[in-house]
């Protein structure tokens, strides 16, 4: 039995036929839609490598059934940059060495974008670490990640102030 769903992925509407109602959002993105930026780490919702934004909220895509998402908006790492212009969080991760091997980086970045947009990042390193605690970095680049989230929070606040003026 197949199921039809409509998703908006990175701003583009997509009509998708699912032949299996058990397919996860992670597998749909990677295997069917050729978006390999979202990583499969533990496949149990414990590492955060598969973090995407679903209707603006952070989710582990490995635990999210695609069949439940009809009408939803999904943002992946592939949708953050505007052409060659990096998203402020991506730029801050580069500037502060917020990665080493890079495997967890897409999930870390998507989680940071969500944390900042939720208004939960602030400038307090402890608060940032707590807010990012669902994302594991096996290389232990946590110091650079925390600095990147602090910097990106400031950059995005400055951009918002300039836009409002």
N, C-alpha and C. Protein backbone atom coordinates (compact mmCIF):
# COMPACT_ATOMS: atom_id res chain seq x y z
N UNK A 1 0.84 -1.17 0.00
CA UNK A 1 0.00 0.00 0.00
C UNK A 1 0.89 1.24 0.00
N UNK A 2 0.66 2.14 -0.93
CA UNK A 2 1.47 3.36 -0.97
C UNK A 2 0.68 4.52 -0.37
N UNK A 3 1.44 5.52 0.04
CA UNK A 3 0.89 6.69 0.71
C UNK A 3 1.50 7.92 0.07
N UNK A 4 0.69 8.92 -0.22
CA UNK A 4 1.19 10.17 -0.79
C UNK A 4 1.25 11.23 0.30
N UNK A 5 2.39 11.93 0.35
CA UNK A 5 2.53 13.07 1.26
C UNK A 5 3.11 14.24 0.49
N UNK A 6 2.86 15.43 1.02
CA UNK A 6 3.42 16.65 0.45
C UNK A 6 4.24 17.33 1.54
N UNK A 7 5.52 17.55 1.23
CA UNK A 7 6.42 18.23 2.15
C UNK A 7 7.01 19.46 1.46
N UNK A 8 7.33 20.45 2.24
CA UNK A 8 8.14 21.55 1.74
C UNK A 8 9.52 21.34 2.33
N UNK A 9 10.49 21.06 1.45
CA UNK A 9 11.84 20.78 1.90
C UNK A 9 12.76 21.87 1.40
N UNK A 10 13.38 22.57 2.34
CA UNK A 10 14.27 23.68 2.02
C UNK A 10 13.58 24.70 1.11
N UNK A 11 12.30 24.94 1.38
CA UNK A 11 11.53 25.94 0.66
C UNK A 11 10.86 25.46 -0.61
N UNK A 12 11.12 24.23 -1.03
CA UNK A 12 10.55 23.71 -2.28
C UNK A 12 9.49 22.65 -1.97
N UNK A 13 8.28 22.82 -2.51
CA UNK A 13 7.25 21.80 -2.29
C UNK A 13 7.60 20.51 -3.03
N UNK A 14 7.34 19.39 -2.37
CA UNK A 14 7.64 18.08 -2.95
C UNK A 14 6.46 17.14 -2.70
N UNK A 15 5.98 16.50 -3.74
CA UNK A 15 4.99 15.43 -3.62
C UNK A 15 5.75 14.13 -3.59
N UNK A 16 5.50 13.32 -2.57
CA UNK A 16 6.29 12.11 -2.36
C UNK A 16 5.36 10.92 -2.17
N UNK A 17 5.69 9.85 -2.88
CA UNK A 17 4.99 8.57 -2.73
C UNK A 17 5.82 7.69 -1.80
N UNK A 18 5.20 7.22 -0.75
CA UNK A 18 5.87 6.31 0.17
C UNK A 18 5.30 4.91 -0.04
N UNK A 19 6.15 3.97 -0.34
CA UNK A 19 5.72 2.58 -0.50
C UNK A 19 5.72 1.84 0.82
N UNK A 20 6.33 2.44 1.84
CA UNK A 20 6.41 1.83 3.16
C UNK A 20 6.14 2.92 4.19
N UNK A 21 5.12 2.75 4.99
CA UNK A 21 4.74 3.76 5.99
C UNK A 21 5.76 3.84 7.12
N UNK A 22 6.72 2.93 7.15
CA UNK A 22 7.71 2.91 8.24
C UNK A 22 8.98 3.68 7.90
N UNK A 23 9.08 4.26 6.72
CA UNK A 23 10.30 4.97 6.34
C UNK A 23 10.45 6.23 7.20
N UNK A 24 11.68 6.44 7.69
CA UNK A 24 11.94 7.62 8.51
C UNK A 24 12.25 8.82 7.63
N UNK A 25 12.11 9.98 8.20
CA UNK A 25 12.48 11.20 7.49
C UNK A 25 13.94 11.15 7.08
N UNK A 26 14.81 10.64 7.95
CA UNK A 26 16.23 10.52 7.63
C UNK A 26 16.45 9.69 6.37
N UNK A 27 15.85 8.52 6.31
CA UNK A 27 16.04 7.66 5.15
C UNK A 27 15.40 8.25 3.90
N UNK A 28 14.28 8.92 4.06
CA UNK A 28 13.66 9.60 2.92
C UNK A 28 14.61 10.65 2.34
N UNK A 29 15.18 11.48 3.21
CA UNK A 29 16.08 12.53 2.76
C UNK A 29 17.32 11.96 2.09
N UNK A 30 17.97 11.02 2.73
CA UNK A 30 19.24 10.49 2.23
C UNK A 30 19.07 9.58 1.03
N UNK A 31 18.15 8.63 1.13
CA UNK A 31 18.06 7.58 0.12
C UNK A 31 17.15 7.91 -1.05
N UNK A 32 16.06 8.60 -0.79
CA UNK A 32 15.11 8.88 -1.87
C UNK A 32 15.30 10.25 -2.49
N UNK A 33 15.69 11.23 -1.68
CA UNK A 33 15.75 12.61 -2.17
C UNK A 33 17.18 13.10 -2.40
N UNK A 34 18.15 12.22 -2.26
CA UNK A 34 19.57 12.53 -2.53
C UNK A 34 20.06 13.75 -1.76
N UNK A 35 19.75 13.79 -0.46
CA UNK A 35 20.21 14.86 0.42
C UNK A 35 21.06 14.21 1.51
N UNK A 36 22.32 13.95 1.22
CA UNK A 36 23.16 13.22 2.16
C UNK A 36 23.74 14.06 3.29
N UNK A 37 23.44 15.34 3.34
CA UNK A 37 23.99 16.20 4.39
C UNK A 37 23.54 15.79 5.77
N UNK A 38 22.30 15.33 5.90
CA UNK A 38 21.80 14.85 7.17
C UNK A 38 22.40 13.46 7.40
N UNK A 39 23.11 13.31 8.51
CA UNK A 39 23.88 12.08 8.74
C UNK A 39 23.13 11.06 9.58
N UNK A 40 23.40 9.80 9.28
CA UNK A 40 22.89 8.70 10.10
C UNK A 40 24.01 8.31 11.04
N UNK A 41 23.80 8.58 12.31
CA UNK A 41 24.81 8.23 13.31
C UNK A 41 24.38 6.97 14.03
N UNK A 42 23.64 7.13 15.11
CA UNK A 42 23.25 5.99 15.92
C UNK A 42 21.96 5.33 15.44
N UNK A 43 21.13 6.08 14.72
CA UNK A 43 19.82 5.61 14.25
C UNK A 43 18.89 5.27 15.41
N UNK A 44 19.13 5.92 16.56
CA UNK A 44 18.33 5.69 17.77
C UNK A 44 17.92 6.98 18.47
N UNK A 45 18.23 8.12 17.88
CA UNK A 45 17.88 9.40 18.50
C UNK A 45 18.78 9.81 19.64
N UNK A 46 19.96 9.23 19.72
CA UNK A 46 20.84 9.53 20.85
C UNK A 46 22.00 10.45 20.51
N UNK A 47 22.37 10.58 19.22
CA UNK A 47 23.59 11.33 18.90
C UNK A 47 23.32 12.70 18.28
N UNK A 48 22.18 12.90 17.65
CA UNK A 48 21.85 14.20 17.05
C UNK A 48 22.44 14.45 15.68
N UNK A 49 23.17 13.50 15.10
CA UNK A 49 23.76 13.71 13.77
C UNK A 49 22.69 13.94 12.71
N UNK A 50 21.49 13.46 12.96
CA UNK A 50 20.41 13.54 11.97
C UNK A 50 19.48 14.73 12.20
N UNK A 51 19.86 15.68 13.04
CA UNK A 51 18.99 16.80 13.38
C UNK A 51 18.64 17.64 12.16
N UNK A 52 17.35 17.89 11.99
CA UNK A 52 16.81 18.81 10.99
C UNK A 52 15.78 19.68 11.69
N UNK A 53 15.32 20.71 10.99
CA UNK A 53 14.24 21.53 11.53
C UNK A 53 12.94 21.09 10.88
N UNK A 54 11.96 20.79 11.70
CA UNK A 54 10.63 20.39 11.24
C UNK A 54 9.66 21.44 11.75
N UNK A 55 9.08 22.19 10.81
CA UNK A 55 8.20 23.31 11.17
C UNK A 55 8.90 24.24 12.16
N UNK A 56 10.21 24.44 11.93
CA UNK A 56 11.00 25.36 12.74
C UNK A 56 11.55 24.79 14.04
N UNK A 57 11.23 23.56 14.35
CA UNK A 57 11.68 22.94 15.60
C UNK A 57 12.70 21.84 15.32
N UNK A 58 13.64 21.67 16.21
CA UNK A 58 14.66 20.63 16.06
C UNK A 58 14.07 19.25 16.30
N UNK A 59 14.37 18.32 15.39
CA UNK A 59 13.95 16.93 15.57
C UNK A 59 15.06 16.00 15.13
N UNK A 60 15.06 14.81 15.69
CA UNK A 60 15.92 13.74 15.22
C UNK A 60 15.18 13.06 14.08
N UNK A 61 15.68 13.22 12.88
CA UNK A 61 14.98 12.69 11.71
C UNK A 61 14.98 11.17 11.68
N UNK A 62 15.88 10.53 12.43
CA UNK A 62 15.90 9.06 12.47
C UNK A 62 14.73 8.51 13.25
N UNK A 63 14.09 9.32 14.08
CA UNK A 63 12.96 8.88 14.89
C UNK A 63 11.62 9.39 14.36
N UNK A 64 11.65 10.11 13.26
CA UNK A 64 10.44 10.76 12.73
C UNK A 64 9.95 10.01 11.50
N UNK A 65 8.75 9.47 11.58
CA UNK A 65 8.19 8.75 10.44
C UNK A 65 7.72 9.75 9.38
N UNK A 66 8.19 9.57 8.17
CA UNK A 66 7.83 10.48 7.07
C UNK A 66 6.32 10.49 6.84
N UNK A 67 5.66 9.37 7.04
CA UNK A 67 4.22 9.27 6.78
C UNK A 67 3.40 10.20 7.66
N UNK A 68 3.97 10.65 8.78
CA UNK A 68 3.24 11.54 9.70
C UNK A 68 3.43 13.02 9.38
N UNK A 69 4.14 13.32 8.30
CA UNK A 69 4.57 14.70 8.06
C UNK A 69 3.83 15.41 6.93
N UNK A 70 2.74 14.88 6.45
CA UNK A 70 2.03 15.53 5.34
C UNK A 70 1.77 17.00 5.66
N UNK A 71 2.22 17.88 4.78
CA UNK A 71 2.02 19.31 4.95
C UNK A 71 3.11 20.01 5.74
N UNK A 72 4.10 19.28 6.21
CA UNK A 72 5.15 19.86 7.06
C UNK A 72 6.22 20.57 6.24
N UNK A 73 6.97 21.44 6.94
CA UNK A 73 8.12 22.12 6.37
C UNK A 73 9.38 21.56 7.02
N UNK A 74 10.32 21.15 6.17
CA UNK A 74 11.57 20.56 6.64
C UNK A 74 12.73 21.42 6.12
N UNK A 75 13.65 21.74 7.01
CA UNK A 75 14.87 22.45 6.62
C UNK A 75 16.04 21.55 6.97
N UNK A 76 16.89 21.32 5.96
CA UNK A 76 18.09 20.50 6.16
C UNK A 76 19.31 21.39 5.98
N UNK A 77 20.46 20.82 6.26
CA UNK A 77 21.72 21.55 6.10
C UNK A 77 21.88 22.06 4.67
N UNK A 78 21.36 21.31 3.68
CA UNK A 78 21.47 21.73 2.28
C UNK A 78 20.71 23.02 2.00
N UNK A 79 19.74 23.36 2.83
CA UNK A 79 18.92 24.54 2.59
C UNK A 79 19.33 25.79 3.35
N UNK A 80 20.40 25.72 4.13
CA UNK A 80 20.77 26.88 4.96
C UNK A 80 21.45 28.00 4.20
N UNK A 81 22.44 27.68 3.42
CA UNK A 81 23.19 28.72 2.71
C UNK A 81 22.33 29.35 1.63
N UNK A 82 22.64 30.58 1.32
CA UNK A 82 21.96 31.30 0.23
C UNK A 82 22.97 31.41 -0.91
N UNK A 83 22.95 30.40 -1.79
CA UNK A 83 23.96 30.35 -2.84
C UNK A 83 25.33 30.14 -2.22
N UNK A 84 26.26 31.05 -2.51
CA UNK A 84 27.61 30.96 -1.95
C UNK A 84 27.71 31.64 -0.59
N UNK A 85 26.65 32.31 -0.16
CA UNK A 85 26.67 33.02 1.14
C UNK A 85 26.22 32.06 2.24
N UNK A 86 27.13 31.77 3.15
CA UNK A 86 26.83 30.85 4.24
C UNK A 86 25.85 31.47 5.22
N UNK A 87 25.08 30.61 5.87
CA UNK A 87 24.23 31.02 6.98
C UNK A 87 25.18 31.47 8.11
N UNK A 88 24.79 32.43 8.95
CA UNK A 88 25.68 32.88 10.03
C UNK A 88 26.18 31.76 10.94
N UNK A 89 25.37 30.75 11.16
CA UNK A 89 25.83 29.64 12.00
C UNK A 89 26.91 28.84 11.28
N UNK A 90 26.75 28.61 10.00
CA UNK A 90 27.78 27.91 9.24
C UNK A 90 29.09 28.69 9.25
N UNK A 91 29.00 29.99 9.03
CA UNK A 91 30.20 30.84 9.03
C UNK A 91 30.88 30.83 10.40
N UNK A 92 30.09 30.89 11.46
CA UNK A 92 30.65 30.89 12.82
C UNK A 92 31.33 29.56 13.13
N UNK A 93 30.76 28.45 12.66
CA UNK A 93 31.40 27.15 12.88
C UNK A 93 32.77 27.11 12.22
N UNK A 94 32.89 27.68 11.05
CA UNK A 94 34.20 27.74 10.38
C UNK A 94 35.15 28.65 11.13
N UNK A 95 34.67 29.83 11.49
CA UNK A 95 35.52 30.81 12.17
C UNK A 95 36.04 30.32 13.52
N UNK A 96 35.27 29.48 14.21
CA UNK A 96 35.64 29.04 15.56
C UNK A 96 36.04 27.57 15.64
N UNK A 97 36.34 26.98 14.49
CA UNK A 97 36.73 25.57 14.46
C UNK A 97 35.75 24.70 15.25
N UNK A 98 34.47 24.85 14.92
CA UNK A 98 33.43 24.10 15.61
C UNK A 98 33.25 22.70 15.07
N UNK A 99 34.29 22.14 14.52
CA UNK A 99 34.22 20.78 14.00
C UNK A 99 35.64 20.23 13.88
N UNK A 100 35.73 18.93 13.87
CA UNK A 100 37.02 18.29 13.58
C UNK A 100 36.81 17.34 12.42
N UNK A 101 36.26 16.15 12.67
CA UNK A 101 36.07 15.23 11.55
C UNK A 101 34.93 15.69 10.66
N UNK A 102 33.96 16.41 11.24
CA UNK A 102 32.87 16.97 10.46
C UNK A 102 31.62 16.12 10.36
N UNK A 103 31.66 14.88 10.86
CA UNK A 103 30.50 14.01 10.69
C UNK A 103 29.27 14.54 11.42
N UNK A 104 29.43 15.03 12.61
CA UNK A 104 28.30 15.53 13.39
C UNK A 104 27.92 16.96 13.03
N UNK A 105 28.76 17.63 12.25
CA UNK A 105 28.61 19.07 12.00
C UNK A 105 27.25 19.46 11.43
N UNK A 106 26.70 18.77 10.43
CA UNK A 106 25.38 19.19 9.94
C UNK A 106 24.31 19.17 11.04
N UNK A 107 24.31 18.13 11.86
CA UNK A 107 23.35 18.06 12.96
C UNK A 107 23.61 19.13 14.01
N UNK A 108 24.89 19.38 14.30
CA UNK A 108 25.25 20.43 15.26
C UNK A 108 24.76 21.79 14.75
N UNK A 109 25.01 22.06 13.48
CA UNK A 109 24.61 23.35 12.90
C UNK A 109 23.09 23.50 12.91
N UNK A 110 22.38 22.46 12.50
CA UNK A 110 20.91 22.55 12.49
C UNK A 110 20.37 22.72 13.90
N UNK A 111 20.97 22.05 14.87
CA UNK A 111 20.55 22.22 16.25
C UNK A 111 20.83 23.64 16.74
N UNK A 112 21.99 24.18 16.37
CA UNK A 112 22.33 25.55 16.76
C UNK A 112 21.36 26.55 16.14
N UNK A 113 21.01 26.37 14.88
CA UNK A 113 20.03 27.26 14.23
C UNK A 113 18.71 27.21 14.98
N UNK A 114 18.27 26.01 15.32
CA UNK A 114 17.03 25.86 16.08
C UNK A 114 17.12 26.50 17.45
N UNK A 115 18.22 26.25 18.16
CA UNK A 115 18.40 26.80 19.50
C UNK A 115 18.36 28.33 19.47
N UNK A 116 19.03 28.92 18.50
CA UNK A 116 19.05 30.38 18.38
C UNK A 116 17.66 30.91 18.04
N UNK A 117 16.99 30.28 17.09
CA UNK A 117 15.67 30.78 16.69
C UNK A 117 14.63 30.59 17.80
N UNK A 118 14.85 29.60 18.67
CA UNK A 118 13.97 29.40 19.82
C UNK A 118 14.23 30.45 20.90
N UNK A 119 15.31 31.23 20.75
CA UNK A 119 15.66 32.24 21.75
C UNK A 119 16.29 31.63 22.99
N UNK A 120 16.83 30.44 22.86
CA UNK A 120 17.37 29.73 24.01
C UNK A 120 18.89 29.71 24.05
N UNK A 121 19.57 30.36 23.11
CA UNK A 121 21.03 30.29 23.08
C UNK A 121 21.65 31.32 24.01
N UNK A 122 21.37 32.58 23.78
CA UNK A 122 21.97 33.63 24.59
C UNK A 122 23.48 33.64 24.48
N UNK A 123 24.14 34.17 25.51
CA UNK A 123 25.60 34.28 25.50
C UNK A 123 26.24 33.42 26.59
N UNK A 124 25.41 32.76 27.38
CA UNK A 124 25.91 31.95 28.49
C UNK A 124 26.37 30.58 27.98
N UNK A 125 27.67 30.28 28.11
CA UNK A 125 28.19 28.99 27.60
C UNK A 125 27.49 27.78 28.21
N UNK A 126 27.15 27.84 29.49
CA UNK A 126 26.47 26.71 30.13
C UNK A 126 25.09 26.50 29.52
N UNK A 127 24.41 27.59 29.26
CA UNK A 127 23.08 27.50 28.64
C UNK A 127 23.17 26.92 27.23
N UNK A 128 24.17 27.34 26.49
CA UNK A 128 24.38 26.82 25.13
C UNK A 128 24.70 25.33 25.18
N UNK A 129 25.61 24.94 26.07
CA UNK A 129 25.96 23.51 26.18
C UNK A 129 24.74 22.68 26.54
N UNK A 130 23.92 23.18 27.45
CA UNK A 130 22.69 22.45 27.81
C UNK A 130 21.75 22.35 26.61
N UNK A 131 21.59 23.45 25.88
CA UNK A 131 20.70 23.46 24.73
C UNK A 131 21.17 22.59 23.58
N UNK A 132 22.47 22.37 23.51
CA UNK A 132 23.07 21.55 22.44
C UNK A 132 23.37 20.13 22.93
N UNK A 133 22.94 19.79 24.12
CA UNK A 133 23.34 18.51 24.72
C UNK A 133 22.81 17.28 23.99
N UNK A 134 21.85 17.43 23.12
CA UNK A 134 21.36 16.29 22.34
C UNK A 134 22.22 15.96 21.14
N UNK A 135 23.27 16.73 20.93
CA UNK A 135 24.18 16.52 19.80
C UNK A 135 25.55 16.13 20.32
N UNK A 136 25.98 14.95 19.95
CA UNK A 136 27.25 14.43 20.43
C UNK A 136 28.33 14.63 19.36
N UNK A 137 29.51 15.07 19.82
CA UNK A 137 30.68 15.20 18.95
C UNK A 137 31.74 14.26 19.49
N UNK A 138 32.01 13.22 18.74
CA UNK A 138 32.99 12.23 19.20
C UNK A 138 34.41 12.79 19.22
N UNK A 139 34.65 13.85 18.46
CA UNK A 139 35.97 14.48 18.45
C UNK A 139 36.13 15.48 19.59
N UNK A 140 35.06 15.77 20.29
CA UNK A 140 35.06 16.68 21.44
C UNK A 140 35.38 18.13 21.05
N UNK A 141 34.78 18.60 19.98
CA UNK A 141 34.98 19.99 19.54
C UNK A 141 34.01 20.93 20.25
N UNK A 142 33.60 20.59 21.44
CA UNK A 142 32.55 21.34 22.14
C UNK A 142 32.91 22.79 22.41
N UNK A 143 34.16 23.07 22.71
CA UNK A 143 34.55 24.46 22.98
C UNK A 143 34.32 25.32 21.73
N UNK A 144 34.78 24.85 20.57
CA UNK A 144 34.57 25.59 19.33
C UNK A 144 33.09 25.69 18.96
N UNK A 145 32.34 24.64 19.24
CA UNK A 145 30.89 24.66 18.96
C UNK A 145 30.22 25.73 19.82
N UNK A 146 30.56 25.76 21.10
CA UNK A 146 29.97 26.75 22.01
C UNK A 146 30.32 28.17 21.56
N UNK A 147 31.59 28.40 21.22
CA UNK A 147 31.99 29.73 20.72
C UNK A 147 31.25 30.08 19.43
N UNK A 148 31.07 29.11 18.56
CA UNK A 148 30.37 29.35 17.29
C UNK A 148 28.91 29.74 17.54
N UNK A 149 28.26 29.07 18.47
CA UNK A 149 26.85 29.39 18.77
C UNK A 149 26.76 30.78 19.39
N UNK A 150 27.69 31.12 20.28
CA UNK A 150 27.70 32.47 20.86
C UNK A 150 27.86 33.52 19.76
N UNK A 151 28.83 33.30 18.89
CA UNK A 151 29.11 34.26 17.81
C UNK A 151 27.93 34.36 16.84
N UNK A 152 27.38 33.23 16.46
CA UNK A 152 26.25 33.24 15.52
C UNK A 152 25.04 33.94 16.13
N UNK A 153 24.84 33.75 17.43
CA UNK A 153 23.73 34.44 18.11
C UNK A 153 23.90 35.95 18.00
N UNK A 154 25.13 36.42 18.23
CA UNK A 154 25.41 37.86 18.10
C UNK A 154 25.22 38.33 16.66
N UNK A 155 25.77 37.58 15.70
CA UNK A 155 25.66 37.96 14.29
C UNK A 155 24.19 38.05 13.85
N UNK A 156 23.41 37.08 14.26
CA UNK A 156 22.01 37.06 13.84
C UNK A 156 21.22 38.19 14.51
N UNK A 157 21.56 38.51 15.76
CA UNK A 157 20.91 39.62 16.46
C UNK A 157 21.25 40.94 15.78
N UNK A 158 22.51 41.10 15.37
CA UNK A 158 22.92 42.33 14.66
C UNK A 158 22.19 42.46 13.33
N UNK A 159 22.07 41.36 12.61
CA UNK A 159 21.36 41.38 11.33
C UNK A 159 19.89 41.75 11.55
N UNK A 160 19.29 41.19 12.60
CA UNK A 160 17.89 41.52 12.91
C UNK A 160 17.72 42.99 13.24
N UNK A 161 18.69 43.56 14.00
CA UNK A 161 18.62 44.98 14.35
C UNK A 161 18.77 45.85 13.10
N UNK A 162 19.69 45.47 12.20
CA UNK A 162 19.90 46.24 10.98
C UNK A 162 18.67 46.16 10.08
N UNK A 163 18.04 45.01 10.01
CA UNK A 163 16.85 44.84 9.19
C UNK A 163 15.69 45.66 9.74
N UNK A 164 15.58 45.72 11.07
CA UNK A 164 14.49 46.46 11.70
C UNK A 164 14.66 47.97 11.58
N UNK A 165 15.91 48.42 11.42
CA UNK A 165 16.18 49.86 11.37
C UNK A 165 15.83 50.49 10.05
